[in-house]
Amino acid sequence: MGGISEWPRMIGPAADNQVIMIIRHAEKPRRSRAAQAITPEGEHSKHSLTVAGWMRAGALAALFAPHGAEPPAGLYRPDAVYGPAYEPGRSVRSVQTVTPVAARLGLDVVTRYAAGEEAYLVDELITRPGATLVAWKHSAIIKIADHLGDVTPTPPVRWPGARFDMVWTFTRNGSGWRFAQIPQMLLPGDLPYPITDPALVAAAA
């Protein structure tokens, strides 16, 4: 697990806002595909990212912490990076996804909370100044949003299993949060449009 360090000095535009940026872990093996999951050492491990996932993890470092520049509009250079705690024999994909970002920034990935402890995670996130990056299991990301309380506009009710290419941002807005979606556009096949609730799509058809 990553260590726990002092809160780093806020940098650039993040000093003016309290922002929580959430991503889903990068690509994993799918039953219908032949892609294999591998460790950083190149060994097969069903709990790790695929080659595409590692490519995304590396690209995320350049997205959130570009050399000599600031991240794209709506994103910030993280002051802290979080991933879920994990046990031997369980998925380490979320932590693997943000390890390159944290390494570039000289940070540890904070793994204080496990999946299922989203309420405790949010209790800590809302006390942190600046910008925080969180990588989490896609099916539990909505739980993080729910525990934030007043969020406008309302986030989608679920994160689709096929989407690895989005950043959800929650920017402090008075006593609540302003929600936005920012496409990563890092790998071939990344989509330029946000995640939309299936019910809303059906209603508009």
N, C-alpha and C. Protein backbone atom coordinates (compact mmCIF):
# COMPACT_ATOMS: atom_id res chain seq x y z
N MET A 1 0.83 -1.20 0.00
CA MET A 1 0.00 0.00 0.00
C MET A 1 0.86 1.25 0.00
N GLY A 2 0.30 2.35 -0.51
CA GLY A 2 1.03 3.60 -0.48
C GLY A 2 1.05 4.17 0.92
N GLY A 3 2.03 4.97 1.19
CA GLY A 3 2.15 5.58 2.50
C GLY A 3 1.24 6.79 2.61
N ILE A 4 1.20 7.35 3.80
CA ILE A 4 0.39 8.52 4.07
C ILE A 4 1.33 9.65 4.43
N SER A 5 1.27 10.72 3.69
CA SER A 5 2.21 11.81 3.89
C SER A 5 1.47 13.08 4.25
N GLU A 6 2.23 14.13 4.57
CA GLU A 6 1.63 15.42 4.85
C GLU A 6 0.94 15.96 3.59
N TRP A 7 -0.10 16.77 3.77
CA TRP A 7 -0.76 17.37 2.62
C TRP A 7 0.22 18.26 1.89
N PRO A 8 0.38 18.07 0.60
CA PRO A 8 1.36 18.87 -0.14
C PRO A 8 0.88 20.30 -0.36
N ARG A 9 1.81 21.15 -0.69
CA ARG A 9 1.50 22.54 -0.99
C ARG A 9 0.61 22.61 -2.23
N MET A 10 -0.42 23.42 -2.19
CA MET A 10 -1.31 23.58 -3.33
C MET A 10 -0.58 24.29 -4.46
N ILE A 11 -0.88 23.88 -5.70
CA ILE A 11 -0.17 24.39 -6.85
C ILE A 11 -1.15 25.00 -7.84
N GLY A 12 -0.79 26.17 -8.39
CA GLY A 12 -1.53 26.75 -9.50
C GLY A 12 -2.99 26.96 -9.21
N PRO A 13 -3.85 26.71 -10.21
CA PRO A 13 -5.28 27.01 -10.06
C PRO A 13 -5.95 26.18 -8.98
N ALA A 14 -5.37 25.04 -8.61
CA ALA A 14 -5.98 24.21 -7.57
C ALA A 14 -6.04 24.94 -6.24
N ALA A 15 -5.18 25.93 -6.05
CA ALA A 15 -5.17 26.67 -4.79
C ALA A 15 -6.43 27.49 -4.62
N ASP A 16 -7.12 27.80 -5.70
CA ASP A 16 -8.31 28.63 -5.64
C ASP A 16 -9.59 27.82 -5.51
N ASN A 17 -9.52 26.52 -5.64
CA ASN A 17 -10.71 25.68 -5.63
C ASN A 17 -10.46 24.41 -4.83
N GLN A 18 -11.55 23.87 -4.29
CA GLN A 18 -11.50 22.52 -3.75
C GLN A 18 -12.16 21.63 -4.78
N VAL A 19 -11.38 20.76 -5.38
CA VAL A 19 -11.85 19.93 -6.49
C VAL A 19 -11.53 18.47 -6.22
N ILE A 20 -12.52 17.62 -6.42
CA ILE A 20 -12.33 16.17 -6.36
C ILE A 20 -12.50 15.63 -7.77
N MET A 21 -11.46 14.99 -8.29
CA MET A 21 -11.49 14.43 -9.65
C MET A 21 -11.49 12.90 -9.52
N ILE A 22 -12.48 12.26 -10.12
CA ILE A 22 -12.64 10.81 -9.98
C ILE A 22 -12.54 10.15 -11.35
N ILE A 23 -11.72 9.10 -11.41
CA ILE A 23 -11.62 8.28 -12.61
C ILE A 23 -11.89 6.83 -12.24
N ARG A 24 -12.31 6.11 -13.23
CA ARG A 24 -12.42 4.67 -13.09
C ARG A 24 -11.03 4.07 -13.36
N HIS A 25 -10.72 2.92 -12.74
CA HIS A 25 -9.44 2.28 -13.05
C HIS A 25 -9.36 1.98 -14.55
N ALA A 26 -8.16 1.86 -15.06
CA ALA A 26 -7.95 1.65 -16.50
C ALA A 26 -8.33 0.23 -16.91
N GLU A 27 -8.09 -0.08 -18.18
CA GLU A 27 -8.63 -1.29 -18.81
C GLU A 27 -8.22 -2.59 -18.09
N LYS A 28 -9.18 -3.50 -18.03
CA LYS A 28 -8.98 -4.82 -17.45
C LYS A 28 -9.40 -5.87 -18.48
N PRO A 29 -9.05 -7.14 -18.25
CA PRO A 29 -9.47 -8.19 -19.19
C PRO A 29 -10.99 -8.31 -19.22
N ARG A 30 -11.52 -8.60 -20.41
CA ARG A 30 -12.96 -8.86 -20.54
C ARG A 30 -13.14 -10.26 -21.09
N ARG A 31 -14.20 -10.91 -20.64
CA ARG A 31 -14.41 -12.31 -21.02
C ARG A 31 -14.46 -12.51 -22.52
N SER A 32 -14.97 -11.50 -23.24
CA SER A 32 -15.15 -11.64 -24.68
C SER A 32 -13.89 -11.32 -25.47
N ARG A 33 -12.79 -10.95 -24.78
CA ARG A 33 -11.57 -10.55 -25.47
C ARG A 33 -10.38 -11.37 -24.98
N ALA A 34 -9.35 -11.39 -25.80
CA ALA A 34 -8.19 -12.21 -25.47
C ALA A 34 -7.12 -11.46 -24.68
N ALA A 35 -7.34 -10.16 -24.43
CA ALA A 35 -6.32 -9.36 -23.74
C ALA A 35 -6.02 -9.94 -22.37
N GLN A 36 -4.74 -9.98 -22.03
CA GLN A 36 -4.29 -10.53 -20.76
C GLN A 36 -3.90 -9.41 -19.81
N ALA A 37 -4.15 -9.63 -18.52
CA ALA A 37 -3.72 -8.68 -17.51
C ALA A 37 -2.30 -9.03 -17.08
N ILE A 38 -1.49 -8.01 -16.88
CA ILE A 38 -0.09 -8.24 -16.52
C ILE A 38 0.34 -7.28 -15.41
N THR A 39 1.31 -7.71 -14.65
CA THR A 39 1.91 -6.87 -13.62
C THR A 39 2.91 -5.91 -14.26
N PRO A 40 3.43 -4.93 -13.51
CA PRO A 40 4.46 -4.06 -14.08
C PRO A 40 5.69 -4.82 -14.54
N GLU A 41 5.91 -6.01 -13.97
CA GLU A 41 7.06 -6.82 -14.35
C GLU A 41 6.78 -7.70 -15.55
N GLY A 42 5.55 -7.62 -16.12
CA GLY A 42 5.21 -8.40 -17.30
C GLY A 42 4.70 -9.79 -17.01
N GLU A 43 4.39 -10.10 -15.76
CA GLU A 43 3.85 -11.41 -15.41
C GLU A 43 2.33 -11.38 -15.46
N HIS A 44 1.73 -12.51 -15.88
CA HIS A 44 0.27 -12.57 -15.95
C HIS A 44 -0.33 -12.52 -14.55
N SER A 45 -1.37 -11.69 -14.39
CA SER A 45 -2.09 -11.58 -13.12
C SER A 45 -3.48 -11.05 -13.42
N LYS A 46 -4.50 -11.85 -13.13
CA LYS A 46 -5.87 -11.45 -13.45
C LYS A 46 -6.33 -10.25 -12.64
N HIS A 47 -5.57 -9.85 -11.64
CA HIS A 47 -5.94 -8.72 -10.80
C HIS A 47 -5.33 -7.40 -11.27
N SER A 48 -4.58 -7.43 -12.36
CA SER A 48 -3.87 -6.25 -12.85
C SER A 48 -4.52 -5.66 -14.09
N LEU A 49 -3.90 -4.62 -14.62
CA LEU A 49 -4.35 -3.98 -15.85
C LEU A 49 -3.89 -4.76 -17.07
N THR A 50 -4.56 -4.53 -18.19
CA THR A 50 -4.08 -5.04 -19.46
C THR A 50 -3.02 -4.08 -20.02
N VAL A 51 -2.44 -4.44 -21.16
CA VAL A 51 -1.46 -3.54 -21.80
C VAL A 51 -2.12 -2.19 -22.09
N ALA A 52 -3.36 -2.21 -22.58
CA ALA A 52 -4.07 -0.95 -22.85
C ALA A 52 -4.26 -0.17 -21.55
N GLY A 53 -4.53 -0.87 -20.47
CA GLY A 53 -4.69 -0.21 -19.19
C GLY A 53 -3.42 0.48 -18.73
N TRP A 54 -2.27 -0.19 -18.93
CA TRP A 54 -1.00 0.43 -18.57
C TRP A 54 -0.70 1.63 -19.46
N MET A 55 -1.10 1.54 -20.73
CA MET A 55 -0.92 2.69 -21.62
C MET A 55 -1.74 3.87 -21.12
N ARG A 56 -2.97 3.61 -20.69
CA ARG A 56 -3.80 4.69 -20.17
C ARG A 56 -3.20 5.26 -18.88
N ALA A 57 -2.71 4.38 -18.01
CA ALA A 57 -2.12 4.85 -16.76
C ALA A 57 -0.97 5.81 -17.03
N GLY A 58 -0.13 5.47 -17.99
CA GLY A 58 0.97 6.36 -18.35
C GLY A 58 0.49 7.65 -18.95
N ALA A 59 -0.54 7.57 -19.79
CA ALA A 59 -1.08 8.78 -20.42
C ALA A 59 -1.77 9.68 -19.40
N LEU A 60 -2.34 9.09 -18.35
CA LEU A 60 -2.98 9.90 -17.31
C LEU A 60 -1.96 10.77 -16.58
N ALA A 61 -0.74 10.27 -16.45
CA ALA A 61 0.31 11.08 -15.82
C ALA A 61 0.55 12.36 -16.62
N ALA A 62 0.57 12.23 -17.94
CA ALA A 62 0.75 13.40 -18.79
C ALA A 62 -0.49 14.30 -18.81
N LEU A 63 -1.67 13.70 -18.61
CA LEU A 63 -2.91 14.49 -18.59
C LEU A 63 -2.99 15.37 -17.34
N PHE A 64 -2.72 14.77 -16.19
CA PHE A 64 -2.88 15.49 -14.93
C PHE A 64 -1.62 16.24 -14.50
N ALA A 65 -0.47 15.84 -15.00
CA ALA A 65 0.78 16.48 -14.58
C ALA A 65 1.70 16.69 -15.77
N PRO A 66 1.28 17.44 -16.77
CA PRO A 66 2.11 17.66 -17.96
C PRO A 66 3.37 18.46 -17.61
N HIS A 67 4.47 18.12 -18.24
CA HIS A 67 5.71 18.85 -18.00
C HIS A 67 5.62 20.25 -18.58
N GLY A 68 5.92 21.24 -17.78
CA GLY A 68 5.97 22.61 -18.26
C GLY A 68 4.65 23.22 -18.66
N ALA A 69 3.55 22.65 -18.21
CA ALA A 69 2.23 23.17 -18.58
C ALA A 69 1.23 22.78 -17.51
N GLU A 70 0.03 23.30 -17.65
CA GLU A 70 -1.06 22.94 -16.75
C GLU A 70 -1.98 21.95 -17.45
N PRO A 71 -2.74 21.16 -16.69
CA PRO A 71 -3.70 20.22 -17.30
C PRO A 71 -4.76 20.96 -18.12
N PRO A 72 -5.50 20.23 -18.95
CA PRO A 72 -6.56 20.86 -19.75
C PRO A 72 -7.59 21.55 -18.87
N ALA A 73 -8.36 22.43 -19.48
CA ALA A 73 -9.39 23.18 -18.76
C ALA A 73 -10.32 22.24 -18.01
N GLY A 74 -10.56 22.57 -16.76
CA GLY A 74 -11.44 21.77 -15.92
C GLY A 74 -10.72 20.76 -15.07
N LEU A 75 -9.45 20.49 -15.38
CA LEU A 75 -8.65 19.55 -14.60
C LEU A 75 -7.54 20.31 -13.88
N TYR A 76 -7.00 19.68 -12.84
CA TYR A 76 -5.96 20.32 -12.05
C TYR A 76 -4.85 19.33 -11.73
N ARG A 77 -3.68 19.86 -11.50
CA ARG A 77 -2.56 19.04 -11.05
C ARG A 77 -2.88 18.58 -9.62
N PRO A 78 -2.97 17.27 -9.37
CA PRO A 78 -3.42 16.80 -8.05
C PRO A 78 -2.46 17.16 -6.92
N ASP A 79 -3.05 17.55 -5.79
CA ASP A 79 -2.30 17.75 -4.56
C ASP A 79 -2.26 16.47 -3.73
N ALA A 80 -3.16 15.54 -4.03
CA ALA A 80 -3.20 14.24 -3.36
C ALA A 80 -3.82 13.24 -4.32
N VAL A 81 -3.42 11.98 -4.19
CA VAL A 81 -3.91 10.91 -5.06
C VAL A 81 -4.38 9.76 -4.18
N TYR A 82 -5.60 9.28 -4.44
CA TYR A 82 -6.20 8.21 -3.64
C TYR A 82 -6.54 7.00 -4.51
N GLY A 83 -6.41 5.82 -3.93
CA GLY A 83 -6.88 4.58 -4.51
C GLY A 83 -7.36 3.69 -3.38
N PRO A 84 -8.14 2.65 -3.68
CA PRO A 84 -8.67 1.79 -2.61
C PRO A 84 -7.61 0.87 -2.03
N ALA A 85 -7.74 0.59 -0.74
CA ALA A 85 -6.91 -0.43 -0.11
C ALA A 85 -7.23 -1.77 -0.75
N TYR A 86 -6.27 -2.64 -0.79
CA TYR A 86 -6.49 -3.96 -1.40
C TYR A 86 -5.77 -5.03 -0.58
N GLU A 87 -6.24 -6.25 -0.75
CA GLU A 87 -5.66 -7.40 -0.06
C GLU A 87 -5.02 -8.31 -1.09
N PRO A 88 -4.06 -9.15 -0.67
CA PRO A 88 -3.46 -10.11 -1.61
C PRO A 88 -4.54 -10.95 -2.29
N GLY A 89 -4.40 -11.11 -3.59
CA GLY A 89 -5.38 -11.88 -4.35
C GLY A 89 -6.59 -11.09 -4.78
N ARG A 90 -6.57 -9.78 -4.57
CA ARG A 90 -7.67 -8.93 -5.01
C ARG A 90 -7.17 -7.92 -6.03
N SER A 91 -8.11 -7.24 -6.69
CA SER A 91 -7.74 -6.29 -7.74
C SER A 91 -6.87 -5.15 -7.20
N VAL A 92 -5.82 -4.84 -7.94
CA VAL A 92 -4.96 -3.70 -7.62
C VAL A 92 -5.03 -2.66 -8.75
N ARG A 93 -6.03 -2.78 -9.62
CA ARG A 93 -6.06 -1.95 -10.83
C ARG A 93 -6.20 -0.47 -10.54
N SER A 94 -7.00 -0.10 -9.57
CA SER A 94 -7.19 1.33 -9.30
C SER A 94 -5.89 1.98 -8.86
N VAL A 95 -5.15 1.32 -7.97
CA VAL A 95 -3.88 1.86 -7.52
C VAL A 95 -2.87 1.87 -8.67
N GLN A 96 -2.85 0.80 -9.47
CA GLN A 96 -1.95 0.77 -10.63
C GLN A 96 -2.25 1.93 -11.58
N THR A 97 -3.52 2.28 -11.73
CA THR A 97 -3.92 3.32 -12.67
C THR A 97 -3.34 4.68 -12.31
N VAL A 98 -3.29 5.00 -11.02
CA VAL A 98 -2.84 6.33 -10.62
C VAL A 98 -1.40 6.36 -10.10
N THR A 99 -0.74 5.19 -10.06
CA THR A 99 0.64 5.18 -9.59
C THR A 99 1.56 6.04 -10.46
N PRO A 100 1.45 6.01 -11.80
CA PRO A 100 2.30 6.89 -12.61
C PRO A 100 2.06 8.37 -12.35
N VAL A 101 0.80 8.77 -12.13
CA VAL A 101 0.51 10.17 -11.80
C VAL A 101 1.19 10.55 -10.50
N ALA A 102 0.98 9.71 -9.48
CA ALA A 102 1.56 10.00 -8.17
C ALA A 102 3.08 10.05 -8.24
N ALA A 103 3.68 9.12 -8.98
CA ALA A 103 5.14 9.08 -9.08
C ALA A 103 5.68 10.35 -9.74
N ARG A 104 5.00 10.82 -10.78
CA ARG A 104 5.46 12.04 -11.44
C ARG A 104 5.40 13.24 -10.51
N LEU A 105 4.43 13.25 -9.62
CA LEU A 105 4.24 14.37 -8.70
C LEU A 105 5.01 14.20 -7.40
N GLY A 106 5.66 13.05 -7.23
CA GLY A 106 6.39 12.80 -6.00
C GLY A 106 5.48 12.53 -4.81
N LEU A 107 4.31 11.94 -5.07
CA LEU A 107 3.33 11.66 -4.03
C LEU A 107 3.20 10.16 -3.80
N ASP A 108 2.69 9.79 -2.63
CA ASP A 108 2.25 8.43 -2.38
C ASP A 108 0.77 8.32 -2.74
N VAL A 109 0.35 7.15 -3.20
CA VAL A 109 -1.08 6.89 -3.38
C VAL A 109 -1.65 6.56 -2.00
N VAL A 110 -2.61 7.35 -1.56
CA VAL A 110 -3.22 7.11 -0.25
C VAL A 110 -4.21 5.96 -0.38
N THR A 111 -4.00 4.90 0.37
CA THR A 111 -4.86 3.71 0.31
C THR A 111 -5.45 3.45 1.69
N ARG A 112 -6.00 4.48 2.27
CA ARG A 112 -6.51 4.39 3.63
C ARG A 112 -7.86 3.69 3.71
N TYR A 113 -8.61 3.70 2.60
CA TYR A 113 -9.98 3.18 2.61
C TYR A 113 -10.15 2.13 1.53
N ALA A 114 -10.97 1.13 1.83
CA ALA A 114 -11.24 0.05 0.88
C ALA A 114 -12.58 0.29 0.19
N ALA A 115 -12.81 -0.42 -0.90
CA ALA A 115 -14.12 -0.39 -1.53
C ALA A 115 -15.17 -0.79 -0.50
N GLY A 116 -16.26 -0.06 -0.46
CA GLY A 116 -17.27 -0.26 0.57
C GLY A 116 -17.17 0.75 1.69
N GLU A 117 -16.06 1.49 1.73
CA GLU A 117 -15.86 2.52 2.76
C GLU A 117 -15.92 3.92 2.15
N GLU A 118 -16.79 4.07 1.16
CA GLU A 118 -16.88 5.35 0.46
C GLU A 118 -17.30 6.49 1.38
N ALA A 119 -18.14 6.23 2.38
CA ALA A 119 -18.57 7.29 3.29
C ALA A 119 -17.38 7.84 4.06
N TYR A 120 -16.50 6.96 4.52
CA TYR A 120 -15.31 7.41 5.26
C TYR A 120 -14.34 8.13 4.32
N LEU A 121 -14.24 7.63 3.10
CA LEU A 121 -13.39 8.29 2.11
C LEU A 121 -13.85 9.72 1.89
N VAL A 122 -15.15 9.91 1.67
CA VAL A 122 -15.68 11.25 1.41
C VAL A 122 -15.49 12.16 2.63
N ASP A 123 -15.66 11.61 3.82
CA ASP A 123 -15.44 12.42 5.03
C ASP A 123 -14.04 13.04 5.03
N GLU A 124 -13.06 12.30 4.49
CA GLU A 124 -11.70 12.84 4.44
C GLU A 124 -11.51 13.76 3.23
N LEU A 125 -12.06 13.37 2.09
CA LEU A 125 -11.86 14.17 0.88
C LEU A 125 -12.38 15.59 1.04
N ILE A 126 -13.51 15.75 1.71
CA ILE A 126 -14.11 17.08 1.79
C ILE A 126 -13.33 18.00 2.74
N THR A 127 -12.38 17.46 3.48
CA THR A 127 -11.55 18.29 4.35
C THR A 127 -10.24 18.69 3.69
N ARG A 128 -9.93 18.10 2.52
CA ARG A 128 -8.65 18.37 1.88
C ARG A 128 -8.71 19.65 1.05
N PRO A 129 -7.70 20.48 1.15
CA PRO A 129 -7.65 21.66 0.27
C PRO A 129 -7.16 21.28 -1.12
N GLY A 130 -7.37 22.16 -2.09
CA GLY A 130 -6.80 21.94 -3.41
C GLY A 130 -7.51 20.85 -4.19
N ALA A 131 -6.75 20.19 -5.05
CA ALA A 131 -7.28 19.20 -5.98
C ALA A 131 -6.88 17.79 -5.55
N THR A 132 -7.84 16.89 -5.54
CA THR A 132 -7.59 15.50 -5.18
C THR A 132 -8.03 14.60 -6.33
N LEU A 133 -7.18 13.65 -6.68
CA LEU A 133 -7.50 12.66 -7.72
C LEU A 133 -7.80 11.33 -7.04
N VAL A 134 -8.91 10.71 -7.44
CA VAL A 134 -9.33 9.42 -6.88
C VAL A 134 -9.56 8.44 -8.02
N ALA A 135 -8.97 7.25 -7.93
CA ALA A 135 -9.27 6.15 -8.85
C ALA A 135 -10.03 5.10 -8.06
N TRP A 136 -11.15 4.62 -8.63
CA TRP A 136 -12.01 3.72 -7.86
C TRP A 136 -12.69 2.72 -8.79
N LYS A 137 -13.27 1.71 -8.21
CA LYS A 137 -14.04 0.72 -8.97
C LYS A 137 -15.29 1.40 -9.54
N HIS A 138 -15.57 1.14 -10.82
CA HIS A 138 -16.61 1.94 -11.48
C HIS A 138 -17.99 1.78 -10.84
N SER A 139 -18.30 0.59 -10.36
CA SER A 139 -19.63 0.37 -9.79
C SER A 139 -19.84 1.08 -8.46
N ALA A 140 -18.76 1.54 -7.84
CA ALA A 140 -18.88 2.22 -6.54
C ALA A 140 -18.64 3.71 -6.63
N ILE A 141 -18.31 4.22 -7.82
CA ILE A 141 -18.04 5.66 -7.94
C ILE A 141 -19.29 6.47 -7.61
N ILE A 142 -20.46 6.00 -7.99
CA ILE A 142 -21.68 6.74 -7.70
C ILE A 142 -21.89 6.84 -6.20
N LYS A 143 -21.37 5.89 -5.42
CA LYS A 143 -21.50 5.96 -3.96
C LYS A 143 -20.71 7.15 -3.41
N ILE A 144 -19.55 7.43 -4.03
CA ILE A 144 -18.77 8.59 -3.63
C ILE A 144 -19.58 9.86 -3.89
N ALA A 145 -20.17 9.94 -5.08
CA ALA A 145 -20.98 11.11 -5.43
C ALA A 145 -22.17 11.26 -4.48
N ASP A 146 -22.81 10.15 -4.13
CA ASP A 146 -23.96 10.21 -3.23
C ASP A 146 -23.58 10.76 -1.87
N HIS A 147 -22.42 10.37 -1.36
CA HIS A 147 -22.01 10.81 -0.03
C HIS A 147 -21.56 12.28 -0.02
N LEU A 148 -21.31 12.87 -1.19
CA LEU A 148 -20.93 14.28 -1.23
C LEU A 148 -22.11 15.19 -0.90
N GLY A 149 -23.32 14.68 -1.05
CA GLY A 149 -24.49 15.47 -0.70
C GLY A 149 -25.05 16.25 -1.86
N ASP A 150 -25.10 17.57 -1.74
CA ASP A 150 -25.72 18.44 -2.75
C ASP A 150 -24.78 18.59 -3.95
N VAL A 151 -25.12 17.92 -5.06
CA VAL A 151 -24.32 17.95 -6.29
C VAL A 151 -25.21 18.42 -7.43
N THR A 152 -24.75 19.43 -8.17
CA THR A 152 -25.51 19.99 -9.30
C THR A 152 -24.61 20.13 -10.52
N PRO A 153 -25.05 19.67 -11.69
CA PRO A 153 -26.22 18.83 -11.94
C PRO A 153 -26.03 17.43 -11.37
N THR A 154 -27.09 16.66 -11.34
CA THR A 154 -27.04 15.32 -10.76
C THR A 154 -26.20 14.40 -11.64
N PRO A 155 -25.22 13.68 -11.07
CA PRO A 155 -24.42 12.75 -11.87
C PRO A 155 -25.26 11.58 -12.38
N PRO A 156 -24.80 10.89 -13.41
CA PRO A 156 -25.48 9.66 -13.86
C PRO A 156 -25.60 8.67 -12.71
N VAL A 157 -26.60 7.79 -12.80
CA VAL A 157 -26.84 6.84 -11.72
C VAL A 157 -25.87 5.66 -11.75
N ARG A 158 -25.17 5.50 -12.86
CA ARG A 158 -24.17 4.43 -12.90
C ARG A 158 -23.09 4.79 -13.91
N TRP A 159 -21.93 4.15 -13.72
CA TRP A 159 -20.79 4.31 -14.63
C TRP A 159 -20.74 3.06 -15.50
N PRO A 160 -20.93 3.17 -16.82
CA PRO A 160 -20.98 1.99 -17.69
C PRO A 160 -19.68 1.18 -17.64
N GLY A 161 -19.83 -0.12 -17.71
CA GLY A 161 -18.67 -0.99 -17.65
C GLY A 161 -17.70 -0.82 -18.80
N ALA A 162 -18.18 -0.29 -19.93
CA ALA A 162 -17.32 -0.15 -21.10
C ALA A 162 -16.56 1.17 -21.15
N ARG A 163 -16.83 2.09 -20.22
CA ARG A 163 -16.20 3.41 -20.26
C ARG A 163 -15.02 3.48 -19.29
N PHE A 164 -13.84 3.70 -19.83
CA PHE A 164 -12.63 3.89 -19.03
C PHE A 164 -12.06 5.29 -19.25
N ASP A 165 -12.78 6.12 -20.01
CA ASP A 165 -12.19 7.31 -20.63
C ASP A 165 -12.74 8.63 -20.14
N MET A 166 -13.27 8.67 -18.92
CA MET A 166 -13.92 9.88 -18.43
C MET A 166 -13.34 10.31 -17.09
N VAL A 167 -13.37 11.62 -16.85
CA VAL A 167 -13.05 12.18 -15.54
C VAL A 167 -14.30 12.87 -15.02
N TRP A 168 -14.72 12.49 -13.82
CA TRP A 168 -15.79 13.21 -13.15
C TRP A 168 -15.17 14.21 -12.19
N THR A 169 -15.59 15.47 -12.26
CA THR A 169 -15.06 16.48 -11.35
C THR A 169 -16.17 17.05 -10.48
N PHE A 170 -15.84 17.26 -9.23
CA PHE A 170 -16.75 17.84 -8.26
C PHE A 170 -16.04 19.05 -7.65
N THR A 171 -16.50 20.24 -7.99
CA THR A 171 -15.88 21.48 -7.55
C THR A 171 -16.73 22.13 -6.48
N ARG A 172 -16.10 22.50 -5.38
CA ARG A 172 -16.84 23.09 -4.27
C ARG A 172 -17.60 24.32 -4.73
N ASN A 173 -18.89 24.36 -4.39
CA ASN A 173 -19.77 25.45 -4.79
C ASN A 173 -20.63 25.81 -3.58
N GLY A 174 -20.13 26.71 -2.73
CA GLY A 174 -20.84 27.01 -1.49
C GLY A 174 -20.83 25.81 -0.58
N SER A 175 -22.01 25.38 -0.15
CA SER A 175 -22.11 24.20 0.71
C SER A 175 -22.24 22.91 -0.10
N GLY A 176 -22.31 23.03 -1.43
CA GLY A 176 -22.46 21.86 -2.28
C GLY A 176 -21.32 21.73 -3.27
N TRP A 177 -21.61 21.05 -4.39
CA TRP A 177 -20.59 20.74 -5.38
C TRP A 177 -21.16 20.92 -6.78
N ARG A 178 -20.32 21.40 -7.68
CA ARG A 178 -20.68 21.52 -9.09
C ARG A 178 -20.06 20.34 -9.84
N PHE A 179 -20.89 19.59 -10.54
CA PHE A 179 -20.45 18.37 -11.23
C PHE A 179 -20.19 18.63 -12.70
N ALA A 180 -19.13 18.02 -13.23
CA ALA A 180 -18.84 18.09 -14.66
C ALA A 180 -18.16 16.80 -15.09
N GLN A 181 -18.23 16.53 -16.39
CA GLN A 181 -17.56 15.38 -16.98
C GLN A 181 -16.58 15.87 -18.04
N ILE A 182 -15.35 15.36 -17.99
CA ILE A 182 -14.32 15.77 -18.93
C ILE A 182 -13.75 14.53 -19.62
N PRO A 183 -13.95 14.39 -20.93
CA PRO A 183 -13.39 13.24 -21.64
C PRO A 183 -11.87 13.24 -21.60
N GLN A 184 -11.28 12.08 -21.38
CA GLN A 184 -9.82 11.99 -21.33
C GLN A 184 -9.20 12.11 -22.72
N MET A 185 -9.77 11.42 -23.70
CA MET A 185 -9.28 11.43 -25.08
C MET A 185 -7.78 11.09 -25.13
N LEU A 186 -7.43 9.96 -24.54
CA LEU A 186 -6.03 9.55 -24.44
C LEU A 186 -5.66 8.40 -25.36
N LEU A 187 -6.58 7.46 -25.58
CA LEU A 187 -6.29 6.27 -26.37
C LEU A 187 -7.28 6.15 -27.53
N PRO A 188 -6.89 5.42 -28.58
CA PRO A 188 -7.83 5.17 -29.66
C PRO A 188 -9.11 4.54 -29.12
N GLY A 189 -10.24 5.02 -29.57
CA GLY A 189 -11.51 4.51 -29.09
C GLY A 189 -12.12 5.32 -27.96
N ASP A 190 -11.36 6.23 -27.34
CA ASP A 190 -11.93 7.10 -26.32
C ASP A 190 -13.02 7.96 -26.93
N LEU A 191 -14.08 8.17 -26.19
CA LEU A 191 -15.25 8.88 -26.70
C LEU A 191 -15.25 10.33 -26.25
N PRO A 192 -15.67 11.25 -27.13
CA PRO A 192 -15.65 12.68 -26.79
C PRO A 192 -16.88 13.17 -26.06
N TYR A 193 -17.83 12.28 -25.77
CA TYR A 193 -19.07 12.71 -25.12
C TYR A 193 -19.19 12.09 -23.73
N PRO A 194 -19.96 12.74 -22.85
CA PRO A 194 -20.04 12.28 -21.46
C PRO A 194 -20.89 11.04 -21.28
N ILE A 195 -20.80 10.48 -20.09
CA ILE A 195 -21.65 9.36 -19.71
C ILE A 195 -23.06 9.89 -19.48
N THR A 196 -24.04 9.21 -20.04
CA THR A 196 -25.44 9.62 -19.91
C THR A 196 -26.26 8.46 -19.38
N ASP A 197 -27.23 8.78 -18.52
CA ASP A 197 -28.10 7.74 -17.99
C ASP A 197 -28.89 7.09 -19.12
N PRO A 198 -28.94 5.76 -19.16
CA PRO A 198 -29.71 5.07 -20.22
C PRO A 198 -31.18 5.52 -20.26
N ALA A 199 -31.76 5.78 -19.11
CA ALA A 199 -33.16 6.19 -19.07
C ALA A 199 -33.37 7.53 -19.78
N LEU A 200 -32.42 8.44 -19.66
CA LEU A 200 -32.52 9.73 -20.33
C LEU A 200 -32.37 9.58 -21.83
N VAL A 201 -31.48 8.68 -22.25
CA VAL A 201 -31.29 8.43 -23.68
C VAL A 201 -32.57 7.86 -24.29
N ALA A 202 -33.20 6.90 -23.58
CA ALA A 202 -34.43 6.29 -24.08
C ALA A 202 -35.56 7.32 -24.15
N ALA A 203 -35.62 8.21 -23.19
CA ALA A 203 -36.68 9.21 -23.17
C ALA A 203 -36.55 10.22 -24.30
N ALA A 204 -35.30 10.47 -24.71
CA ALA A 204 -35.05 11.44 -25.79
C ALA A 204 -35.22 10.83 -27.17
N ALA A 205 -35.25 9.50 -27.26
CA ALA A 205 -35.34 8.82 -28.54
C ALA A 205 -36.73 8.96 -29.15
